[in-house]
Amino acid sequence: MSEQQSNVEPRDFEKEFSDERSNWTEKIRTYSVRMKNIREVAEVQVDLYTSRQVLLEYQSKLAQAMIKLNSKFRKDKGDRLKFYSENTQVKYGANEKTPLIEADLSMLKERMDIVEGQITYIQDTVKTVDHMLYGIRSRITLEEYMRNGSVKKDY
């Protein structure tokens, strides 16, 4: 390992993803508050469409990362199986190799689980944005209803 590589700290994806989730939660909360003001609804709608596109692109990048992680996992799993089958003094049975391989690949599996959790969160956030976009029509209808009066007085 070169000296330059040893000085680089591994990225803490769990913290990065947690920060991203907090940012998106705050954005959604802000959009919700802004929707209360009917004068801002048109601008909020544009912001929601923009955020939806950003989320979809991010979701695609996460899916690509997950594909790479899955590929690496399958390759490493095969390599470890070959190692335990051919390169050890102890001859393991099939049931004994599985836990050993899982232990060897636990860090990679943890990273896969973290990315999968982020993908699920982003998918749910896209659904929330979709619901908010759909709710804009109801918000406008409610505003019209309130302006026209809730009860017509025809006595």
N, C-alpha and C. Protein backbone atom coordinates (compact mmCIF):
# COMPACT_ATOMS: atom_id res chain seq x y z
N MET A 1 0.85 -1.17 0.00
CA MET A 1 0.00 0.00 0.00
C MET A 1 0.90 1.23 0.00
N SER A 2 0.62 2.19 -0.86
CA SER A 2 1.45 3.38 -0.92
C SER A 2 1.16 4.29 0.27
N GLU A 3 2.10 5.20 0.51
CA GLU A 3 1.95 6.13 1.64
C GLU A 3 0.73 7.03 1.44
N GLN A 4 0.50 7.42 0.19
CA GLN A 4 -0.63 8.31 -0.09
C GLN A 4 -1.96 7.61 0.22
N GLN A 5 -2.08 6.34 -0.11
CA GLN A 5 -3.31 5.62 0.16
C GLN A 5 -3.56 5.45 1.65
N SER A 6 -2.51 5.26 2.43
CA SER A 6 -2.68 5.04 3.86
C SER A 6 -3.14 6.31 4.58
N ASN A 7 -2.90 7.48 4.01
CA ASN A 7 -3.33 8.73 4.63
C ASN A 7 -4.79 9.07 4.33
N VAL A 8 -5.38 8.38 3.37
CA VAL A 8 -6.76 8.65 3.00
C VAL A 8 -7.68 7.84 3.90
N GLU A 9 -8.58 8.55 4.57
CA GLU A 9 -9.52 7.88 5.45
C GLU A 9 -10.66 7.29 4.61
N PRO A 10 -11.12 6.11 4.96
CA PRO A 10 -12.26 5.55 4.23
C PRO A 10 -13.50 6.40 4.47
N ARG A 11 -14.31 6.50 3.43
CA ARG A 11 -15.52 7.31 3.55
C ARG A 11 -16.52 6.63 4.48
N ASP A 12 -17.15 7.45 5.29
CA ASP A 12 -18.18 6.95 6.20
C ASP A 12 -19.53 7.14 5.53
N PHE A 13 -19.92 6.14 4.72
CA PHE A 13 -21.16 6.25 3.96
C PHE A 13 -22.37 6.34 4.87
N GLU A 14 -22.32 5.69 5.99
CA GLU A 14 -23.46 5.72 6.91
C GLU A 14 -23.72 7.16 7.37
N LYS A 15 -22.67 7.89 7.71
CA LYS A 15 -22.82 9.28 8.14
C LYS A 15 -23.25 10.16 6.97
N GLU A 16 -22.61 9.97 5.81
CA GLU A 16 -22.97 10.76 4.64
C GLU A 16 -24.44 10.58 4.29
N PHE A 17 -24.89 9.33 4.28
CA PHE A 17 -26.29 9.05 3.94
C PHE A 17 -27.23 9.61 5.01
N SER A 18 -26.83 9.54 6.26
CA SER A 18 -27.64 10.11 7.33
C SER A 18 -27.80 11.62 7.15
N ASP A 19 -26.69 12.28 6.80
CA ASP A 19 -26.74 13.73 6.56
C ASP A 19 -27.64 14.05 5.36
N GLU A 20 -27.54 13.25 4.30
CA GLU A 20 -28.39 13.46 3.13
C GLU A 20 -29.86 13.27 3.48
N ARG A 21 -30.16 12.25 4.29
CA ARG A 21 -31.55 12.04 4.69
C ARG A 21 -32.07 13.22 5.51
N SER A 22 -31.22 13.75 6.38
CA SER A 22 -31.63 14.92 7.17
C SER A 22 -31.90 16.12 6.26
N ASN A 23 -31.04 16.31 5.27
CA ASN A 23 -31.24 17.42 4.33
C ASN A 23 -32.53 17.27 3.55
N TRP A 24 -32.81 16.07 3.07
CA TRP A 24 -34.05 15.86 2.31
C TRP A 24 -35.28 16.00 3.20
N THR A 25 -35.19 15.54 4.43
CA THR A 25 -36.30 15.69 5.37
C THR A 25 -36.60 17.16 5.59
N GLU A 26 -35.57 17.95 5.76
CA GLU A 26 -35.75 19.39 5.96
C GLU A 26 -36.32 20.05 4.71
N LYS A 27 -35.85 19.65 3.52
CA LYS A 27 -36.39 20.20 2.27
C LYS A 27 -37.88 19.92 2.14
N ILE A 28 -38.26 18.68 2.41
CA ILE A 28 -39.68 18.29 2.31
C ILE A 28 -40.51 19.08 3.32
N ARG A 29 -39.99 19.24 4.51
CA ARG A 29 -40.70 20.00 5.54
C ARG A 29 -40.87 21.45 5.09
N THR A 30 -39.83 22.02 4.49
CA THR A 30 -39.90 23.40 4.00
C THR A 30 -40.95 23.53 2.89
N TYR A 31 -40.96 22.58 1.97
CA TYR A 31 -41.97 22.62 0.90
C TYR A 31 -43.37 22.56 1.48
N SER A 32 -43.54 21.72 2.48
CA SER A 32 -44.86 21.58 3.11
C SER A 32 -45.31 22.89 3.74
N VAL A 33 -44.40 23.55 4.43
CA VAL A 33 -44.73 24.84 5.06
C VAL A 33 -45.04 25.88 3.99
N ARG A 34 -44.26 25.90 2.94
CA ARG A 34 -44.46 26.88 1.88
C ARG A 34 -45.79 26.66 1.16
N MET A 35 -46.28 25.42 1.11
CA MET A 35 -47.55 25.15 0.43
C MET A 35 -48.74 25.76 1.17
N LYS A 36 -48.54 26.11 2.42
CA LYS A 36 -49.63 26.75 3.16
C LYS A 36 -49.98 28.11 2.56
N ASN A 37 -48.99 28.79 2.00
CA ASN A 37 -49.22 30.10 1.39
C ASN A 37 -49.58 29.88 -0.08
N ILE A 38 -50.81 30.17 -0.44
CA ILE A 38 -51.30 29.92 -1.80
C ILE A 38 -50.50 30.69 -2.84
N ARG A 39 -49.92 31.83 -2.45
CA ARG A 39 -49.15 32.63 -3.39
C ARG A 39 -47.82 31.94 -3.77
N GLU A 40 -47.37 31.01 -2.96
CA GLU A 40 -46.12 30.30 -3.24
C GLU A 40 -46.31 28.94 -3.90
N VAL A 41 -47.55 28.52 -4.07
CA VAL A 41 -47.81 27.17 -4.57
C VAL A 41 -47.18 26.92 -5.94
N ALA A 42 -47.26 27.89 -6.84
CA ALA A 42 -46.69 27.70 -8.18
C ALA A 42 -45.17 27.51 -8.09
N GLU A 43 -44.51 28.29 -7.26
CA GLU A 43 -43.06 28.18 -7.10
C GLU A 43 -42.70 26.86 -6.41
N VAL A 44 -43.49 26.47 -5.43
CA VAL A 44 -43.25 25.20 -4.75
C VAL A 44 -43.40 24.04 -5.73
N GLN A 45 -44.37 24.14 -6.62
CA GLN A 45 -44.58 23.09 -7.61
C GLN A 45 -43.34 22.93 -8.49
N VAL A 46 -42.78 24.02 -8.95
CA VAL A 46 -41.57 23.97 -9.77
C VAL A 46 -40.42 23.37 -8.95
N ASP A 47 -40.28 23.80 -7.71
CA ASP A 47 -39.22 23.27 -6.85
C ASP A 47 -39.39 21.77 -6.61
N LEU A 48 -40.63 21.34 -6.46
CA LEU A 48 -40.89 19.91 -6.25
C LEU A 48 -40.50 19.09 -7.49
N TYR A 49 -40.85 19.60 -8.67
CA TYR A 49 -40.46 18.89 -9.90
C TYR A 49 -38.94 18.82 -10.04
N THR A 50 -38.27 19.90 -9.69
CA THR A 50 -36.81 19.92 -9.73
C THR A 50 -36.23 18.92 -8.74
N SER A 51 -36.73 18.94 -7.53
CA SER A 51 -36.25 18.01 -6.51
C SER A 51 -36.53 16.56 -6.90
N ARG A 52 -37.67 16.34 -7.52
CA ARG A 52 -38.02 14.98 -7.96
C ARG A 52 -36.99 14.48 -8.97
N GLN A 53 -36.61 15.34 -9.90
CA GLN A 53 -35.62 14.94 -10.90
C GLN A 53 -34.26 14.68 -10.26
N VAL A 54 -33.87 15.52 -9.31
CA VAL A 54 -32.60 15.32 -8.60
C VAL A 54 -32.63 13.98 -7.87
N LEU A 55 -33.74 13.68 -7.21
CA LEU A 55 -33.87 12.41 -6.49
C LEU A 55 -33.79 11.22 -7.43
N LEU A 56 -34.44 11.31 -8.59
CA LEU A 56 -34.41 10.20 -9.54
C LEU A 56 -33.00 9.96 -10.07
N GLU A 57 -32.27 11.03 -10.34
CA GLU A 57 -30.90 10.89 -10.82
C GLU A 57 -30.01 10.29 -9.73
N TYR A 58 -30.21 10.72 -8.50
CA TYR A 58 -29.44 10.19 -7.37
C TYR A 58 -29.77 8.71 -7.15
N GLN A 59 -31.04 8.38 -7.26
CA GLN A 59 -31.47 6.99 -7.12
C GLN A 59 -30.80 6.12 -8.19
N SER A 60 -30.69 6.64 -9.39
CA SER A 60 -30.03 5.91 -10.47
C SER A 60 -28.55 5.67 -10.15
N LYS A 61 -27.88 6.70 -9.62
CA LYS A 61 -26.47 6.55 -9.24
C LYS A 61 -26.30 5.51 -8.13
N LEU A 62 -27.20 5.53 -7.16
CA LEU A 62 -27.14 4.54 -6.09
C LEU A 62 -27.37 3.14 -6.64
N ALA A 63 -28.29 3.01 -7.59
CA ALA A 63 -28.55 1.70 -8.20
C ALA A 63 -27.32 1.20 -8.94
N GLN A 64 -26.61 2.10 -9.63
CA GLN A 64 -25.38 1.71 -10.32
C GLN A 64 -24.32 1.27 -9.31
N ALA A 65 -24.22 1.98 -8.20
CA ALA A 65 -23.27 1.59 -7.15
C ALA A 65 -23.64 0.22 -6.59
N MET A 66 -24.93 -0.03 -6.44
CA MET A 66 -25.39 -1.31 -5.91
C MET A 66 -25.06 -2.44 -6.88
N ILE A 67 -25.18 -2.19 -8.17
CA ILE A 67 -24.82 -3.20 -9.18
C ILE A 67 -23.34 -3.56 -9.05
N LYS A 68 -22.50 -2.55 -8.89
CA LYS A 68 -21.06 -2.80 -8.73
C LYS A 68 -20.77 -3.57 -7.44
N LEU A 69 -21.45 -3.19 -6.36
CA LEU A 69 -21.25 -3.89 -5.09
C LEU A 69 -21.70 -5.35 -5.19
N ASN A 70 -22.83 -5.58 -5.85
CA ASN A 70 -23.31 -6.96 -6.03
C ASN A 70 -22.33 -7.78 -6.85
N SER A 71 -21.79 -7.17 -7.89
CA SER A 71 -20.82 -7.86 -8.73
C SER A 71 -19.57 -8.21 -7.92
N LYS A 72 -19.08 -7.26 -7.16
CA LYS A 72 -17.90 -7.50 -6.31
C LYS A 72 -18.20 -8.58 -5.28
N PHE A 73 -19.40 -8.54 -4.70
CA PHE A 73 -19.78 -9.52 -3.69
C PHE A 73 -19.78 -10.93 -4.29
N ARG A 74 -20.39 -11.09 -5.47
CA ARG A 74 -20.42 -12.40 -6.12
C ARG A 74 -19.01 -12.89 -6.44
N LYS A 75 -18.16 -12.01 -6.95
CA LYS A 75 -16.79 -12.39 -7.29
C LYS A 75 -16.02 -12.79 -6.03
N ASP A 76 -16.11 -11.94 -4.99
CA ASP A 76 -15.39 -12.23 -3.75
C ASP A 76 -15.92 -13.51 -3.09
N LYS A 77 -17.21 -13.74 -3.19
CA LYS A 77 -17.79 -14.95 -2.62
C LYS A 77 -17.24 -16.18 -3.34
N GLY A 78 -17.15 -16.11 -4.65
CA GLY A 78 -16.56 -17.21 -5.41
C GLY A 78 -15.10 -17.42 -5.06
N ASP A 79 -14.36 -16.33 -4.92
CA ASP A 79 -12.95 -16.43 -4.56
C ASP A 79 -12.78 -17.07 -3.18
N ARG A 80 -13.60 -16.66 -2.23
CA ARG A 80 -13.50 -17.21 -0.88
C ARG A 80 -13.90 -18.69 -0.87
N LEU A 81 -14.91 -19.05 -1.66
CA LEU A 81 -15.31 -20.45 -1.75
C LEU A 81 -14.16 -21.29 -2.30
N LYS A 82 -13.53 -20.79 -3.33
CA LYS A 82 -12.39 -21.49 -3.93
C LYS A 82 -11.26 -21.61 -2.89
N PHE A 83 -11.02 -20.53 -2.17
CA PHE A 83 -9.96 -20.55 -1.15
C PHE A 83 -10.24 -21.63 -0.11
N TYR A 84 -11.47 -21.64 0.45
CA TYR A 84 -11.79 -22.61 1.50
C TYR A 84 -11.88 -24.03 0.96
N SER A 85 -12.12 -24.17 -0.34
CA SER A 85 -12.18 -25.50 -0.94
C SER A 85 -10.82 -26.06 -1.30
N GLU A 86 -9.89 -25.19 -1.70
CA GLU A 86 -8.63 -25.67 -2.25
C GLU A 86 -7.38 -25.30 -1.46
N ASN A 87 -7.38 -24.18 -0.76
CA ASN A 87 -6.14 -23.65 -0.19
C ASN A 87 -6.02 -23.74 1.32
N THR A 88 -6.82 -24.53 1.96
CA THR A 88 -6.70 -24.63 3.41
C THR A 88 -6.34 -26.06 3.79
N GLN A 89 -5.70 -26.19 4.93
CA GLN A 89 -5.33 -27.52 5.43
C GLN A 89 -6.55 -28.29 5.90
N VAL A 90 -7.53 -27.53 6.43
CA VAL A 90 -8.75 -28.15 6.93
C VAL A 90 -9.73 -28.28 5.77
N LYS A 91 -10.34 -29.42 5.66
CA LYS A 91 -11.35 -29.63 4.62
C LYS A 91 -12.73 -29.34 5.22
N TYR A 92 -13.32 -28.26 4.73
CA TYR A 92 -14.62 -27.84 5.25
C TYR A 92 -15.73 -28.44 4.40
N GLY A 93 -16.83 -28.75 5.05
CA GLY A 93 -18.04 -29.15 4.34
C GLY A 93 -18.76 -27.92 3.85
N ALA A 94 -19.75 -28.10 3.00
CA ALA A 94 -20.50 -26.97 2.43
C ALA A 94 -21.14 -26.12 3.51
N ASN A 95 -21.68 -26.77 4.54
CA ASN A 95 -22.34 -26.02 5.62
C ASN A 95 -21.34 -25.24 6.46
N GLU A 96 -20.10 -25.66 6.48
CA GLU A 96 -19.07 -24.98 7.27
C GLU A 96 -18.47 -23.80 6.50
N LYS A 97 -18.44 -23.88 5.18
CA LYS A 97 -17.84 -22.82 4.36
C LYS A 97 -18.70 -21.56 4.36
N THR A 98 -20.00 -21.74 4.35
CA THR A 98 -20.92 -20.60 4.24
C THR A 98 -20.70 -19.56 5.34
N PRO A 99 -20.68 -19.96 6.63
CA PRO A 99 -20.46 -18.93 7.67
C PRO A 99 -19.08 -18.29 7.58
N LEU A 100 -18.08 -19.06 7.15
CA LEU A 100 -16.74 -18.50 7.01
C LEU A 100 -16.70 -17.44 5.91
N ILE A 101 -17.36 -17.76 4.80
CA ILE A 101 -17.41 -16.82 3.68
C ILE A 101 -18.19 -15.57 4.08
N GLU A 102 -19.32 -15.76 4.75
CA GLU A 102 -20.12 -14.62 5.20
C GLU A 102 -19.34 -13.72 6.16
N ALA A 103 -18.55 -14.33 7.02
CA ALA A 103 -17.73 -13.54 7.95
C ALA A 103 -16.67 -12.76 7.19
N ASP A 104 -16.06 -13.40 6.21
CA ASP A 104 -15.03 -12.71 5.41
C ASP A 104 -15.60 -11.53 4.64
N LEU A 105 -16.83 -11.65 4.21
CA LEU A 105 -17.44 -10.61 3.37
C LEU A 105 -18.38 -9.70 4.15
N SER A 106 -18.31 -9.74 5.46
CA SER A 106 -19.27 -8.97 6.27
C SER A 106 -19.17 -7.46 6.05
N MET A 107 -17.97 -6.94 5.87
CA MET A 107 -17.83 -5.49 5.65
C MET A 107 -18.47 -5.07 4.32
N LEU A 108 -18.27 -5.88 3.29
CA LEU A 108 -18.87 -5.59 1.99
C LEU A 108 -20.39 -5.71 2.08
N LYS A 109 -20.87 -6.71 2.78
CA LYS A 109 -22.32 -6.89 2.95
C LYS A 109 -22.92 -5.71 3.73
N GLU A 110 -22.19 -5.22 4.73
CA GLU A 110 -22.66 -4.06 5.50
C GLU A 110 -22.79 -2.84 4.59
N ARG A 111 -21.80 -2.62 3.74
CA ARG A 111 -21.85 -1.49 2.82
C ARG A 111 -23.03 -1.65 1.86
N MET A 112 -23.28 -2.87 1.40
CA MET A 112 -24.42 -3.12 0.51
C MET A 112 -25.73 -2.81 1.23
N ASP A 113 -25.83 -3.20 2.48
CA ASP A 113 -27.04 -2.93 3.25
C ASP A 113 -27.25 -1.42 3.45
N ILE A 114 -26.17 -0.70 3.66
CA ILE A 114 -26.25 0.75 3.84
C ILE A 114 -26.75 1.41 2.55
N VAL A 115 -26.19 1.00 1.42
CA VAL A 115 -26.62 1.57 0.13
C VAL A 115 -28.07 1.19 -0.15
N GLU A 116 -28.45 -0.04 0.14
CA GLU A 116 -29.83 -0.49 -0.08
C GLU A 116 -30.80 0.34 0.77
N GLY A 117 -30.41 0.62 2.01
CA GLY A 117 -31.25 1.46 2.88
C GLY A 117 -31.42 2.86 2.32
N GLN A 118 -30.35 3.41 1.74
CA GLN A 118 -30.43 4.74 1.15
C GLN A 118 -31.32 4.73 -0.08
N ILE A 119 -31.22 3.68 -0.88
CA ILE A 119 -32.07 3.56 -2.07
C ILE A 119 -33.54 3.54 -1.64
N THR A 120 -33.85 2.78 -0.61
CA THR A 120 -35.23 2.70 -0.12
C THR A 120 -35.70 4.07 0.37
N TYR A 121 -34.84 4.78 1.10
CA TYR A 121 -35.21 6.11 1.58
C TYR A 121 -35.49 7.05 0.41
N ILE A 122 -34.63 7.03 -0.60
CA ILE A 122 -34.82 7.92 -1.75
C ILE A 122 -36.10 7.57 -2.49
N GLN A 123 -36.40 6.28 -2.64
CA GLN A 123 -37.65 5.86 -3.28
C GLN A 123 -38.86 6.40 -2.50
N ASP A 124 -38.81 6.30 -1.19
CA ASP A 124 -39.90 6.81 -0.36
C ASP A 124 -40.00 8.33 -0.45
N THR A 125 -38.87 9.00 -0.56
CA THR A 125 -38.89 10.46 -0.69
C THR A 125 -39.49 10.87 -2.03
N VAL A 126 -39.20 10.13 -3.08
CA VAL A 126 -39.81 10.40 -4.40
C VAL A 126 -41.33 10.25 -4.28
N LYS A 127 -41.78 9.23 -3.58
CA LYS A 127 -43.23 9.03 -3.39
C LYS A 127 -43.84 10.21 -2.64
N THR A 128 -43.13 10.70 -1.62
CA THR A 128 -43.61 11.86 -0.86
C THR A 128 -43.73 13.08 -1.77
N VAL A 129 -42.72 13.31 -2.59
CA VAL A 129 -42.76 14.44 -3.53
C VAL A 129 -43.93 14.26 -4.51
N ASP A 130 -44.13 13.04 -5.00
CA ASP A 130 -45.27 12.78 -5.90
C ASP A 130 -46.60 13.10 -5.22
N HIS A 131 -46.72 12.70 -3.96
CA HIS A 131 -47.96 12.98 -3.22
C HIS A 131 -48.15 14.49 -3.03
N MET A 132 -47.05 15.18 -2.78
CA MET A 132 -47.15 16.63 -2.61
C MET A 132 -47.56 17.29 -3.92
N LEU A 133 -47.00 16.82 -5.03
CA LEU A 133 -47.38 17.37 -6.33
C LEU A 133 -48.85 17.12 -6.63
N TYR A 134 -49.32 15.92 -6.30
CA TYR A 134 -50.73 15.61 -6.49
C TYR A 134 -51.59 16.46 -5.56
N GLY A 135 -51.09 16.74 -4.36
CA GLY A 135 -51.84 17.51 -3.38
C GLY A 135 -51.98 18.99 -3.74
N ILE A 136 -51.16 19.47 -4.66
CA ILE A 136 -51.26 20.88 -5.06
C ILE A 136 -52.62 21.17 -5.66
N ARG A 137 -53.13 20.25 -6.46
CA ARG A 137 -54.46 20.44 -7.06
C ARG A 137 -55.52 20.57 -5.96
N SER A 138 -55.42 19.71 -4.95
CA SER A 138 -56.37 19.77 -3.85
C SER A 138 -56.21 21.08 -3.07
N ARG A 139 -54.98 21.52 -2.92
CA ARG A 139 -54.71 22.78 -2.20
C ARG A 139 -55.36 23.95 -2.93
N ILE A 140 -55.25 23.98 -4.24
CA ILE A 140 -55.84 25.06 -5.04
C ILE A 140 -57.37 24.98 -4.97
N THR A 141 -57.92 23.78 -5.05
CA THR A 141 -59.38 23.60 -4.96
C THR A 141 -59.88 24.06 -3.60
N LEU A 142 -59.17 23.74 -2.55
CA LEU A 142 -59.55 24.16 -1.21
C LEU A 142 -59.52 25.68 -1.09
N GLU A 143 -58.50 26.30 -1.66
CA GLU A 143 -58.40 27.76 -1.62
C GLU A 143 -59.57 28.40 -2.36
N GLU A 144 -59.94 27.87 -3.51
CA GLU A 144 -61.09 28.40 -4.26
C GLU A 144 -62.37 28.24 -3.45
N TYR A 145 -62.53 27.10 -2.82
CA TYR A 145 -63.70 26.82 -2.00
C TYR A 145 -63.79 27.81 -0.84
N MET A 146 -62.67 28.08 -0.21
CA MET A 146 -62.66 29.00 0.92
C MET A 146 -62.92 30.43 0.48
N ARG A 147 -62.46 30.81 -0.69
CA ARG A 147 -62.69 32.18 -1.19
C ARG A 147 -64.13 32.39 -1.62
N ASN A 148 -64.75 31.38 -2.17
CA ASN A 148 -66.12 31.52 -2.65
C ASN A 148 -67.14 31.38 -1.54
N GLY A 149 -66.71 31.00 -0.39
CA GLY A 149 -67.63 30.83 0.75
C GLY A 149 -68.09 29.40 0.82
N SER A 150 -68.18 28.92 2.03
CA SER A 150 -68.52 27.50 2.21
C SER A 150 -70.01 27.26 2.15
N VAL A 151 -70.81 28.26 2.44
CA VAL A 151 -72.27 28.08 2.43
C VAL A 151 -72.88 29.18 1.60
N LYS A 152 -73.70 28.78 0.64
CA LYS A 152 -74.44 29.78 -0.15
C LYS A 152 -75.75 30.06 0.54
N LYS A 153 -76.08 31.34 0.69
CA LYS A 153 -77.29 31.72 1.40
C LYS A 153 -78.38 32.07 0.40
N ASP A 154 -79.19 31.09 0.08
CA ASP A 154 -80.34 31.30 -0.81
C ASP A 154 -81.61 31.00 -0.02
N TYR A 155 -82.06 31.99 0.77
CA TYR A 155 -83.25 31.77 1.58
C TYR A 155 -84.46 32.19 0.85
